[in-house]
Amino acid sequence: YRSTSAILRAANEVIAGNPKIFEKKLWSDLGEG
């Protein structure tokens, strides 16, 4: 509920480089920004 899609996409791409304990991918309906 905080960030635009452009910011979250960058965050998701960075953290994808770490091994996952649990699957999770942030999304937002606040627009592309």
PDB file of all heavy atoms in Angstrom:
ATOM      1  N   TYR A   1       0.825  -1.217   0.000  1.00  0.00           N
ATOM      2  CA  TYR A   1       0.000   0.000   0.000  1.00  0.00           C
ATOM      3  C   TYR A   1       0.855   1.261   0.000  1.00  0.00           C
ATOM      4  O   TYR A   1       0.352   2.356   0.194  1.00  0.00           O
ATOM      5  CB  TYR A   1      -0.905   0.010   1.241  1.00  0.00           C
ATOM      6  CG  TYR A   1      -1.952  -1.073   1.214  1.00  0.00           C
ATOM      7  CD1 TYR A   1      -1.708  -2.321   1.790  1.00  0.00           C
ATOM      8  CD2 TYR A   1      -3.178  -0.873   0.584  1.00  0.00           C
ATOM      9  CE1 TYR A   1      -2.657  -3.329   1.758  1.00  0.00           C
ATOM     10  CE2 TYR A   1      -4.136  -1.872   0.551  1.00  0.00           C
ATOM     11  CZ  TYR A   1      -3.869  -3.098   1.129  1.00  0.00           C
ATOM     12  OH  TYR A   1      -4.819  -4.099   1.078  1.00  0.00           O
ATOM     13  N   ARG A   2       2.155   1.111  -0.202  1.00  0.00           N
ATOM     14  CA  ARG A   2       3.083   2.229  -0.050  1.00  0.00           C
ATOM     15  C   ARG A   2       3.627   2.740  -1.378  1.00  0.00           C
ATOM     16  O   ARG A   2       3.648   3.935  -1.623  1.00  0.00           O
ATOM     17  CB  ARG A   2       4.262   1.771   0.825  1.00  0.00           C
ATOM     18  CG  ARG A   2       5.364   2.801   0.978  1.00  0.00           C
ATOM     19  CD  ARG A   2       6.554   2.205   1.723  1.00  0.00           C
ATOM     20  NE  ARG A   2       6.193   1.789   3.066  1.00  0.00           N
ATOM     21  CZ  ARG A   2       6.837   0.894   3.776  1.00  0.00           C
ATOM     22  NH1 ARG A   2       7.901   0.279   3.273  1.00  0.00           N
ATOM     23  NH2 ARG A   2       6.457   0.587   4.998  1.00  0.00           N
ATOM     24  N   SER A   3       4.088   1.835  -2.238  1.00  0.00           N
ATOM     25  CA  SER A   3       4.940   2.234  -3.369  1.00  0.00           C
ATOM     26  C   SER A   3       4.278   1.979  -4.713  1.00  0.00           C
ATOM     27  O   SER A   3       3.356   1.168  -4.836  1.00  0.00           O
ATOM     28  CB  SER A   3       6.262   1.446  -3.318  1.00  0.00           C
ATOM     29  OG  SER A   3       6.867   1.551  -2.053  1.00  0.00           O
ATOM     30  N   THR A   4       4.803   2.667  -5.715  1.00  0.00           N
ATOM     31  CA  THR A   4       4.321   2.470  -7.080  1.00  0.00           C
ATOM     32  C   THR A   4       4.874   1.159  -7.646  1.00  0.00           C
ATOM     33  O   THR A   4       5.826   0.577  -7.123  1.00  0.00           O
ATOM     34  CB  THR A   4       4.786   3.618  -7.989  1.00  0.00           C
ATOM     35  OG1 THR A   4       6.222   3.619  -8.001  1.00  0.00           O
ATOM     36  CG2 THR A   4       4.274   4.965  -7.490  1.00  0.00           C
ATOM     37  N   SER A   5       4.297   0.715  -8.768  1.00  0.00           N
ATOM     38  CA  SER A   5       4.717  -0.550  -9.389  1.00  0.00           C
ATOM     39  C   SER A   5       6.173  -0.494  -9.845  1.00  0.00           C
ATOM     40  O   SER A   5       6.897  -1.489  -9.761  1.00  0.00           O
ATOM     41  CB  SER A   5       3.808  -0.877 -10.576  1.00  0.00           C
ATOM     42  OG  SER A   5       2.488  -1.101 -10.128  1.00  0.00           O
ATOM     43  N   ALA A   6       6.621   0.669 -10.345  1.00  0.00           N
ATOM     44  CA  ALA A   6       8.006   0.787 -10.830  1.00  0.00           C
ATOM     45  C   ALA A   6       8.995   0.538  -9.683  1.00  0.00           C
ATOM     46  O   ALA A   6      10.001  -0.160  -9.853  1.00  0.00           O
ATOM     47  CB  ALA A   6       8.236   2.175 -11.428  1.00  0.00           C
ATOM     48  N   ILE A   7       8.700   1.088  -8.512  1.00  0.00           N
ATOM     49  CA  ILE A   7       9.580   0.910  -7.347  1.00  0.00           C
ATOM     50  C   ILE A   7       9.556  -0.550  -6.878  1.00  0.00           C
ATOM     51  O   ILE A   7      10.599  -1.151  -6.607  1.00  0.00           O
ATOM     52  CB  ILE A   7       9.163   1.872  -6.208  1.00  0.00           C
ATOM     53  CG1 ILE A   7       9.468   3.325  -6.616  1.00  0.00           C
ATOM     54  CG2 ILE A   7       9.868   1.529  -4.894  1.00  0.00           C
ATOM     55  CD1 ILE A   7       8.808   4.379  -5.745  1.00  0.00           C
ATOM     56  N   LEU A   8       8.363  -1.140  -6.824  1.00  0.00           N
ATOM     57  CA  LEU A   8       8.254  -2.528  -6.360  1.00  0.00           C
ATOM     58  C   LEU A   8       8.911  -3.506  -7.323  1.00  0.00           C
ATOM     59  O   LEU A   8       9.489  -4.511  -6.897  1.00  0.00           O
ATOM     60  CB  LEU A   8       6.782  -2.909  -6.158  1.00  0.00           C
ATOM     61  CG  LEU A   8       6.072  -2.201  -5.004  1.00  0.00           C
ATOM     62  CD1 LEU A   8       4.651  -2.721  -4.862  1.00  0.00           C
ATOM     63  CD2 LEU A   8       6.817  -2.389  -3.690  1.00  0.00           C
ATOM     64  N   ARG A   9       8.834  -3.205  -8.617  1.00  0.00           N
ATOM     65  CA  ARG A   9       9.470  -4.098  -9.600  1.00  0.00           C
ATOM     66  C   ARG A   9      10.989  -4.134  -9.361  1.00  0.00           C
ATOM     67  O   ARG A   9      11.602  -5.202  -9.372  1.00  0.00           O
ATOM     68  CB  ARG A   9       9.140  -3.628 -11.014  1.00  0.00           C
ATOM     69  CG  ARG A   9       9.498  -4.625 -12.097  1.00  0.00           C
ATOM     70  CD  ARG A   9       8.797  -4.344 -13.419  1.00  0.00           C
ATOM     71  NE  ARG A   9       8.929  -2.972 -13.835  1.00  0.00           N
ATOM     72  CZ  ARG A   9       7.924  -2.102 -13.892  1.00  0.00           C
ATOM     73  NH1 ARG A   9       6.695  -2.461 -13.548  1.00  0.00           N
ATOM     74  NH2 ARG A   9       8.123  -0.860 -14.274  1.00  0.00           N
ATOM     75  N   ALA A  10      11.575  -2.954  -9.129  1.00  0.00           N
ATOM     76  CA  ALA A  10      13.018  -2.888  -8.848  1.00  0.00           C
ATOM     77  C   ALA A  10      13.347  -3.674  -7.574  1.00  0.00           C
ATOM     78  O   ALA A  10      14.338  -4.415  -7.518  1.00  0.00           O
ATOM     79  CB  ALA A  10      13.460  -1.429  -8.700  1.00  0.00           C
ATOM     80  N   ALA A  11      12.500  -3.537  -6.534  1.00  0.00           N
ATOM     81  CA  ALA A  11      12.724  -4.252  -5.273  1.00  0.00           C
ATOM     82  C   ALA A  11      12.633  -5.766  -5.476  1.00  0.00           C
ATOM     83  O   ALA A  11      13.478  -6.529  -4.991  1.00  0.00           O
ATOM     84  CB  ALA A  11      11.705  -3.796  -4.222  1.00  0.00           C
ATOM     85  N   ASN A  12      11.593  -6.203  -6.185  1.00  0.00           N
ATOM     86  CA  ASN A  12      11.413  -7.646  -6.429  1.00  0.00           C
ATOM     87  C   ASN A  12      12.579  -8.232  -7.222  1.00  0.00           C
ATOM     88  O   ASN A  12      13.019  -9.355  -6.959  1.00  0.00           O
ATOM     89  CB  ASN A  12      10.101  -7.899  -7.180  1.00  0.00           C
ATOM     90  CG  ASN A  12       8.872  -7.752  -6.286  1.00  0.00           C
ATOM     91  OD1 ASN A  12       8.938  -7.990  -5.085  1.00  0.00           O
ATOM     92  ND2 ASN A  12       7.752  -7.346  -6.859  1.00  0.00           N
ATOM     93  N   GLU A  13      13.081  -7.464  -8.196  1.00  0.00           N
ATOM     94  CA  GLU A  13      14.194  -7.969  -9.020  1.00  0.00           C
ATOM     95  C   GLU A  13      15.458  -8.134  -8.173  1.00  0.00           C
ATOM     96  O   GLU A  13      16.180  -9.116  -8.292  1.00  0.00           O
ATOM     97  CB  GLU A  13      14.474  -7.005 -10.185  1.00  0.00           C
ATOM     98  CG  GLU A  13      13.375  -6.947 -11.248  1.00  0.00           C
ATOM     99  CD  GLU A  13      13.283  -8.209 -12.088  1.00  0.00           C
ATOM    100  OE1 GLU A  13      14.078  -9.145 -11.879  1.00  0.00           O
ATOM    101  OE2 GLU A  13      12.396  -8.268 -12.957  1.00  0.00           O
ATOM    102  N   VAL A  14      15.731  -7.151  -7.301  1.00  0.00           N
ATOM    103  CA  VAL A  14      16.930  -7.232  -6.457  1.00  0.00           C
ATOM    104  C   VAL A  14      16.852  -8.438  -5.529  1.00  0.00           C
ATOM    105  O   VAL A  14      17.766  -9.255  -5.453  1.00  0.00           O
ATOM    106  CB  VAL A  14      17.118  -5.932  -5.634  1.00  0.00           C
ATOM    107  CG1 VAL A  14      18.115  -6.143  -4.499  1.00  0.00           C
ATOM    108  CG2 VAL A  14      17.612  -4.811  -6.530  1.00  0.00           C
ATOM    109  N   ILE A  15      15.731  -8.580  -4.819  1.00  0.00           N
ATOM    110  CA  ILE A  15      15.642  -9.619  -3.790  1.00  0.00           C
ATOM    111  C   ILE A  15      15.545 -11.009  -4.407  1.00  0.00           C
ATOM    112  O   ILE A  15      15.809 -12.016  -3.733  1.00  0.00           O
ATOM    113  CB  ILE A  15      14.466  -9.340  -2.821  1.00  0.00           C
ATOM    114  CG1 ILE A  15      14.733  -9.964  -1.440  1.00  0.00           C
ATOM    115  CG2 ILE A  15      13.138  -9.789  -3.382  1.00  0.00           C
ATOM    116  CD1 ILE A  15      15.914  -9.398  -0.697  1.00  0.00           C
ATOM    117  N   ALA A  16      15.218 -11.081  -5.686  1.00  0.00           N
ATOM    118  CA  ALA A  16      15.171 -12.387  -6.366  1.00  0.00           C
ATOM    119  C   ALA A  16      16.548 -13.044  -6.386  1.00  0.00           C
ATOM    120  O   ALA A  16      16.664 -14.257  -6.581  1.00  0.00           O
ATOM    121  CB  ALA A  16      14.639 -12.221  -7.791  1.00  0.00           C
ATOM    122  N   GLY A  17      17.614 -12.258  -6.172  1.00  0.00           N
ATOM    123  CA  GLY A  17      18.968 -12.809  -6.136  1.00  0.00           C
ATOM    124  C   GLY A  17      19.267 -13.606  -4.879  1.00  0.00           C
ATOM    125  O   GLY A  17      20.298 -14.281  -4.802  1.00  0.00           O
ATOM    126  N   ASN A  18      18.389 -13.531  -3.864  1.00  0.00           N
ATOM    127  CA  ASN A  18      18.577 -14.293  -2.619  1.00  0.00           C
ATOM    128  C   ASN A  18      17.777 -15.589  -2.651  1.00  0.00           C
ATOM    129  O   ASN A  18      16.678 -15.617  -3.222  1.00  0.00           O
ATOM    130  CB  ASN A  18      18.105 -13.470  -1.407  1.00  0.00           C
ATOM    131  CG  ASN A  18      19.176 -12.526  -0.899  1.00  0.00           C
ATOM    132  OD1 ASN A  18      20.272 -12.457  -1.450  1.00  0.00           O
ATOM    133  ND2 ASN A  18      18.865 -11.785   0.144  1.00  0.00           N
ATOM    134  N   PRO A  19      18.298 -16.659  -2.024  1.00  0.00           N
ATOM    135  CA  PRO A  19      17.491 -17.884  -1.920  1.00  0.00           C
ATOM    136  C   PRO A  19      16.249 -17.608  -1.083  1.00  0.00           C
ATOM    137  O   PRO A  19      16.295 -16.817  -0.140  1.00  0.00           O
ATOM    138  CB  PRO A  19      18.428 -18.872  -1.215  1.00  0.00           C
ATOM    139  CG  PRO A  19      19.468 -18.040  -0.550  1.00  0.00           C
ATOM    140  CD  PRO A  19      19.606 -16.796  -1.361  1.00  0.00           C
ATOM    141  N   LYS A  20      15.139 -18.241  -1.408  1.00  0.00           N
ATOM    142  CA  LYS A  20      13.864 -17.980  -0.740  1.00  0.00           C
ATOM    143  C   LYS A  20      13.579 -19.014   0.345  1.00  0.00           C
ATOM    144  O   LYS A  20      13.736 -20.212   0.119  1.00  0.00           O
ATOM    145  CB  LYS A  20      12.721 -18.021  -1.769  1.00  0.00           C
ATOM    146  CG  LYS A  20      12.671 -16.795  -2.667  1.00  0.00           C
ATOM    147  CD  LYS A  20      12.116 -15.631  -1.896  1.00  0.00           C
ATOM    148  CE  LYS A  20      12.004 -14.392  -2.770  1.00  0.00           C
ATOM    149  NZ  LYS A  20      11.727 -13.215  -1.962  1.00  0.00           N
ATOM    150  N   ILE A  21      13.152 -18.539   1.513  1.00  0.00           N
ATOM    151  CA  ILE A  21      12.630 -19.454   2.529  1.00  0.00           C
ATOM    152  C   ILE A  21      11.153 -19.699   2.229  1.00  0.00           C
ATOM    153  O   ILE A  21      10.672 -20.820   2.236  1.00  0.00           O
ATOM    154  CB  ILE A  21      12.790 -18.858   3.943  1.00  0.00           C
ATOM    155  CG1 ILE A  21      14.257 -18.540   4.235  1.00  0.00           C
ATOM    156  CG2 ILE A  21      12.245 -19.817   4.997  1.00  0.00           C
ATOM    157  CD1 ILE A  21      14.486 -17.873   5.570  1.00  0.00           C
ATOM    158  N   PHE A  22      10.434 -18.606   1.940  1.00  0.00           N
ATOM    159  CA  PHE A  22       9.019 -18.678   1.575  1.00  0.00           C
ATOM    160  C   PHE A  22       8.822 -17.798   0.343  1.00  0.00           C
ATOM    161  O   PHE A  22       9.419 -16.729   0.236  1.00  0.00           O
ATOM    162  CB  PHE A  22       8.131 -18.152   2.715  1.00  0.00           C
ATOM    163  CG  PHE A  22       8.333 -18.852   4.028  1.00  0.00           C
ATOM    164  CD1 PHE A  22       9.101 -18.281   5.028  1.00  0.00           C
ATOM    165  CD2 PHE A  22       7.751 -20.086   4.272  1.00  0.00           C
ATOM    166  CE1 PHE A  22       9.292 -18.919   6.252  1.00  0.00           C
ATOM    167  CE2 PHE A  22       7.941 -20.735   5.489  1.00  0.00           C
ATOM    168  CZ  PHE A  22       8.712 -20.144   6.477  1.00  0.00           C
ATOM    169  N   GLU A  23       7.955 -18.222  -0.552  1.00  0.00           N
ATOM    170  CA  GLU A  23       7.697 -17.442  -1.765  1.00  0.00           C
ATOM    171  C   GLU A  23       6.823 -16.230  -1.444  1.00  0.00           C
ATOM    172  O   GLU A  23       5.853 -16.329  -0.691  1.00  0.00           O
ATOM    173  CB  GLU A  23       7.014 -18.310  -2.829  1.00  0.00           C
ATOM    174  CG  GLU A  23       7.963 -19.197  -3.609  1.00  0.00           C
ATOM    175  CD  GLU A  23       9.094 -18.406  -4.285  1.00  0.00           C
ATOM    176  OE1 GLU A  23       8.826 -17.333  -4.855  1.00  0.00           O
ATOM    177  OE2 GLU A  23      10.248 -18.860  -4.223  1.00  0.00           O
ATOM    178  N   LYS A  24       7.191 -15.091  -2.028  1.00  0.00           N
ATOM    179  CA  LYS A  24       6.421 -13.851  -1.831  1.00  0.00           C
ATOM    180  C   LYS A  24       6.848 -12.856  -2.899  1.00  0.00           C
ATOM    181  O   LYS A  24       8.041 -12.718  -3.166  1.00  0.00           O
ATOM    182  CB  LYS A  24       6.699 -13.293  -0.430  1.00  0.00           C
ATOM    183  CG  LYS A  24       5.980 -12.006  -0.100  1.00  0.00           C
ATOM    184  CD  LYS A  24       6.264 -11.565   1.313  1.00  0.00           C
ATOM    185  CE  LYS A  24       7.510 -10.752   1.509  1.00  0.00           C
ATOM    186  NZ  LYS A  24       8.766 -11.394   1.408  1.00  0.00           N
ATOM    187  N   LYS A  25       5.893 -12.166  -3.521  1.00  0.00           N
ATOM    188  CA  LYS A  25       6.241 -11.148  -4.515  1.00  0.00           C
ATOM    189  C   LYS A  25       5.293  -9.959  -4.345  1.00  0.00           C
ATOM    190  O   LYS A  25       4.085 -10.093  -4.452  1.00  0.00           O
ATOM    191  CB  LYS A  25       6.117 -11.719  -5.933  1.00  0.00           C
ATOM    192  CG  LYS A  25       6.791 -10.847  -6.971  1.00  0.00           C
ATOM    193  CD  LYS A  25       6.954 -11.592  -8.280  1.00  0.00           C
ATOM    194  CE  LYS A  25       7.816 -10.803  -9.242  1.00  0.00           C
ATOM    195  NZ  LYS A  25       8.023 -11.521 -10.513  1.00  0.00           N
ATOM    196  N   LEU A  26       5.871  -8.799  -4.047  1.00  0.00           N
ATOM    197  CA  LEU A  26       5.050  -7.612  -3.785  1.00  0.00           C
ATOM    198  C   LEU A  26       4.405  -7.079  -5.063  1.00  0.00           C
ATOM    199  O   LEU A  26       4.998  -7.112  -6.135  1.00  0.00           O
ATOM    200  CB  LEU A  26       5.906  -6.504  -3.162  1.00  0.00           C
ATOM    201  CG  LEU A  26       6.494  -6.764  -1.776  1.00  0.00           C
ATOM    202  CD1 LEU A  26       7.268  -5.548  -1.317  1.00  0.00           C
ATOM    203  CD2 LEU A  26       5.407  -7.107  -0.771  1.00  0.00           C
ATOM    204  N   TRP A  27       3.172  -6.576  -4.915  1.00  0.00           N
ATOM    205  CA  TRP A  27       2.510  -5.886  -6.022  1.00  0.00           C
ATOM    206  C   TRP A  27       1.694  -4.734  -5.444  1.00  0.00           C
ATOM    207  O   TRP A  27       1.439  -4.673  -4.247  1.00  0.00           O
ATOM    208  CB  TRP A  27       1.608  -6.833  -6.822  1.00  0.00           C
ATOM    209  CG  TRP A  27       0.498  -7.457  -6.009  1.00  0.00           C
ATOM    210  CD1 TRP A  27       0.581  -8.586  -5.251  1.00  0.00           C
ATOM    211  CD2 TRP A  27      -0.844  -6.959  -5.853  1.00  0.00           C
ATOM    212  NE1 TRP A  27      -0.613  -8.833  -4.626  1.00  0.00           N
ATOM    213  CE2 TRP A  27      -1.520  -7.855  -4.989  1.00  0.00           C
ATOM    214  CE3 TRP A  27      -1.549  -5.860  -6.352  1.00  0.00           C
ATOM    215  CZ2 TRP A  27      -2.849  -7.684  -4.624  1.00  0.00           C
ATOM    216  CZ3 TRP A  27      -2.883  -5.690  -5.989  1.00  0.00           C
ATOM    217  CH2 TRP A  27      -3.509  -6.594  -5.136  1.00  0.00           C
ATOM    218  N   SER A  28       1.326  -3.814  -6.321  1.00  0.00           N
ATOM    219  CA  SER A  28       0.624  -2.605  -5.874  1.00  0.00           C
ATOM    220  C   SER A  28      -0.401  -2.207  -6.915  1.00  0.00           C
ATOM    221  O   SER A  28      -0.198  -2.434  -8.111  1.00  0.00           O
ATOM    222  CB  SER A  28       1.641  -1.467  -5.691  1.00  0.00           C
ATOM    223  OG  SER A  28       0.997  -0.228  -5.612  1.00  0.00           O
ATOM    224  N   ASP A  29      -1.504  -1.617  -6.462  1.00  0.00           N
ATOM    225  CA  ASP A  29      -2.458  -1.061  -7.435  1.00  0.00           C
ATOM    226  C   ASP A  29      -2.418   0.470  -7.415  1.00  0.00           C
ATOM    227  O   ASP A  29      -3.386   1.141  -7.747  1.00  0.00           O
ATOM    228  CB  ASP A  29      -3.879  -1.594  -7.194  1.00  0.00           C
ATOM    229  CG  ASP A  29      -4.423  -1.236  -5.818  1.00  0.00           C
ATOM    230  OD1 ASP A  29      -3.751  -0.458  -5.109  1.00  0.00           O
ATOM    231  OD2 ASP A  29      -5.512  -1.723  -5.454  1.00  0.00           O
ATOM    232  N   LEU A  30      -1.244   1.014  -7.037  1.00  0.00           N
ATOM    233  CA  LEU A  30      -1.089   2.481  -6.992  1.00  0.00           C
ATOM    234  C   LEU A  30      -0.613   3.048  -8.326  1.00  0.00           C
ATOM    235  O   LEU A  30      -0.277   4.229  -8.418  1.00  0.00           O
ATOM    236  CB  LEU A  30      -0.097   2.873  -5.888  1.00  0.00           C
ATOM    237  CG  LEU A  30      -0.514   2.503  -4.453  1.00  0.00           C
ATOM    238  CD1 LEU A  30       0.588   2.855  -3.458  1.00  0.00           C
ATOM    239  CD2 LEU A  30      -1.818   3.187  -4.067  1.00  0.00           C
ATOM    240  N   GLY A  31      -0.544   2.204  -9.365  1.00  0.00           N
ATOM    241  CA  GLY A  31      -0.126   2.696 -10.686  1.00  0.00           C
ATOM    242  C   GLY A  31       1.359   2.514 -10.919  1.00  0.00           C
ATOM    243  O   GLY A  31       2.122   2.212  -9.998  1.00  0.00           O
ATOM    244  N   GLU A  32       1.779   2.724 -12.176  1.00  0.00           N
ATOM    245  CA  GLU A  32       3.169   2.508 -12.570  1.00  0.00           C
ATOM    246  C   GLU A  32       4.100   3.514 -11.910  1.00  0.00           C
ATOM    247  O   GLU A  32       5.151   3.164 -11.392  1.00  0.00           O
ATOM    248  CB  GLU A  32       3.292   2.604 -14.099  1.00  0.00           C
ATOM    249  CG  GLU A  32       4.703   2.512 -14.637  1.00  0.00           C
ATOM    250  CD  GLU A  32       5.377   1.175 -14.352  1.00  0.00           C
ATOM    251  OE1 GLU A  32       4.681   0.197 -14.043  1.00  0.00           O
ATOM    252  OE2 GLU A  32       6.625   1.126 -14.425  1.00  0.00           O
ATOM    253  N   GLY A  33       3.734   4.787 -11.925  1.00  0.00           N
ATOM    254  CA  GLY A  33       4.562   5.816 -11.289  1.00  0.00           C
ATOM    255  C   GLY A  33       5.808   6.144 -12.095  1.00  0.00           C
ATOM    256  O   GLY A  33       6.030   5.621 -13.191  1.00  0.00           O
TER     257      GLY A  33
END
